[in-house]
């Protein structure tokens, strides 16, 4: 999400003490309060290590037909070239 245009707005109300803590932290990190909030949101919605492991385990149980690597490579290449 690095270079995406930030044009959606969010307004929140905070106790003055919490806003001061955010401003102090932002100043100490040489960043903005908005950036701290975006980082916290990104961290909250980040996919956990456990969720990633669970997804891999589920994929491992898929009973998909496979063959040796050379045959699979030929099939992948032929499918790619047909596009």
Protein backbone atom coordinates (compact mmCIF):
# COMPACT_ATOMS: atom_id res chain seq x y z
CA UNK A 1 0.00 0.00 0.00
CA UNK A 2 3.01 2.24 -0.15
CA UNK A 3 2.40 4.71 -2.99
CA UNK A 4 -1.39 4.64 -3.08
CA UNK A 5 -3.23 7.94 -2.97
CA UNK A 6 -4.67 8.60 0.47
CA UNK A 7 -7.99 10.32 -0.09
CA UNK A 8 -10.38 8.52 2.28
CA UNK A 9 -10.83 10.39 5.53
CA UNK A 10 -11.55 9.25 9.06
CA UNK A 11 -12.41 11.42 12.02
CA UNK A 12 -12.00 10.12 15.55
CA UNK A 13 -12.38 11.75 18.92
CA UNK A 14 -9.80 11.15 21.63
CA UNK A 15 -9.20 12.25 25.19
CA UNK A 16 -6.69 15.10 25.13
CA UNK A 17 -4.15 13.00 27.07
CA UNK A 18 -4.21 10.25 24.43
CA UNK A 19 -3.83 12.76 21.61
CA UNK A 20 -0.85 14.30 23.42
CA UNK A 21 0.75 10.84 23.72
CA UNK A 22 0.23 10.26 20.00
CA UNK A 23 1.69 13.66 19.12
CA UNK A 24 4.68 13.08 21.39
CA UNK A 25 5.33 9.65 19.88
CA UNK A 26 4.94 11.01 16.35
CA UNK A 27 7.43 13.78 17.09
CA UNK A 28 9.89 11.31 18.63
CA UNK A 29 9.63 9.10 15.55
CA UNK A 30 9.71 12.07 13.17
CA UNK A 31 6.39 11.08 11.61
CA UNK A 32 2.78 12.19 11.70
CA UNK A 33 -0.06 11.16 13.98
CA UNK A 34 -1.92 9.99 10.87
CA UNK A 35 0.97 7.72 9.94
CA UNK A 36 1.02 6.20 13.45
CA UNK A 37 -2.70 5.49 13.18
CA UNK A 38 -2.31 3.94 9.70
CA UNK A 39 0.53 1.74 10.98
CA UNK A 40 -1.62 0.58 13.91
CA UNK A 41 -4.50 -0.25 11.56
CA UNK A 42 -2.17 -2.16 9.21
CA UNK A 43 -0.71 -4.08 12.14
CA UNK A 44 -4.18 -4.95 13.46
CA UNK A 45 -5.32 -6.35 10.11
CA UNK A 46 -2.05 -8.09 9.29
CA UNK A 47 -2.35 -11.82 8.65
CA UNK A 48 -0.91 -13.66 11.64
CA UNK A 49 1.78 -16.32 11.40
CA UNK A 50 -0.73 -18.85 12.72
CA UNK A 51 -3.22 -18.00 9.98
CA UNK A 52 -0.51 -18.42 7.34
CA UNK A 53 0.47 -21.82 8.74
CA UNK A 54 -3.18 -22.89 8.82
CA UNK A 55 -3.60 -21.88 5.16
CA UNK A 56 -0.54 -23.90 4.14
CA UNK A 57 -1.81 -26.91 6.07
CA UNK A 58 -5.18 -26.65 4.32
CA UNK A 59 -3.48 -26.44 0.93
CA UNK A 60 -1.40 -29.52 1.77
CA UNK A 61 -4.62 -31.52 2.16
CA UNK A 62 -5.86 -30.63 -1.34
CA UNK A 63 -5.87 -33.80 -3.39
CA UNK A 64 -4.75 -32.24 -6.66
CA UNK A 65 -3.25 -34.36 -9.42
CA UNK A 66 0.50 -33.84 -9.68
CA UNK A 67 3.26 -35.43 -11.64
CA UNK A 68 7.01 -34.96 -11.83
CA UNK A 69 8.45 -31.46 -12.12
CA UNK A 70 9.43 -31.69 -15.79
CA UNK A 71 5.89 -32.67 -16.84
CA UNK A 72 4.34 -29.96 -14.65
CA UNK A 73 6.75 -27.37 -16.07
CA UNK A 74 5.72 -28.30 -19.63
CA UNK A 75 2.04 -27.99 -18.70
CA UNK A 76 2.59 -24.60 -17.07
CA UNK A 77 4.57 -23.31 -20.04
CA UNK A 78 2.05 -24.58 -22.58
CA UNK A 79 -0.81 -23.00 -20.62
CA UNK A 80 1.08 -19.73 -20.43
CA UNK A 81 1.86 -19.71 -24.15
CA UNK A 82 -1.81 -20.27 -25.08
CA UNK A 83 -2.81 -16.89 -23.62
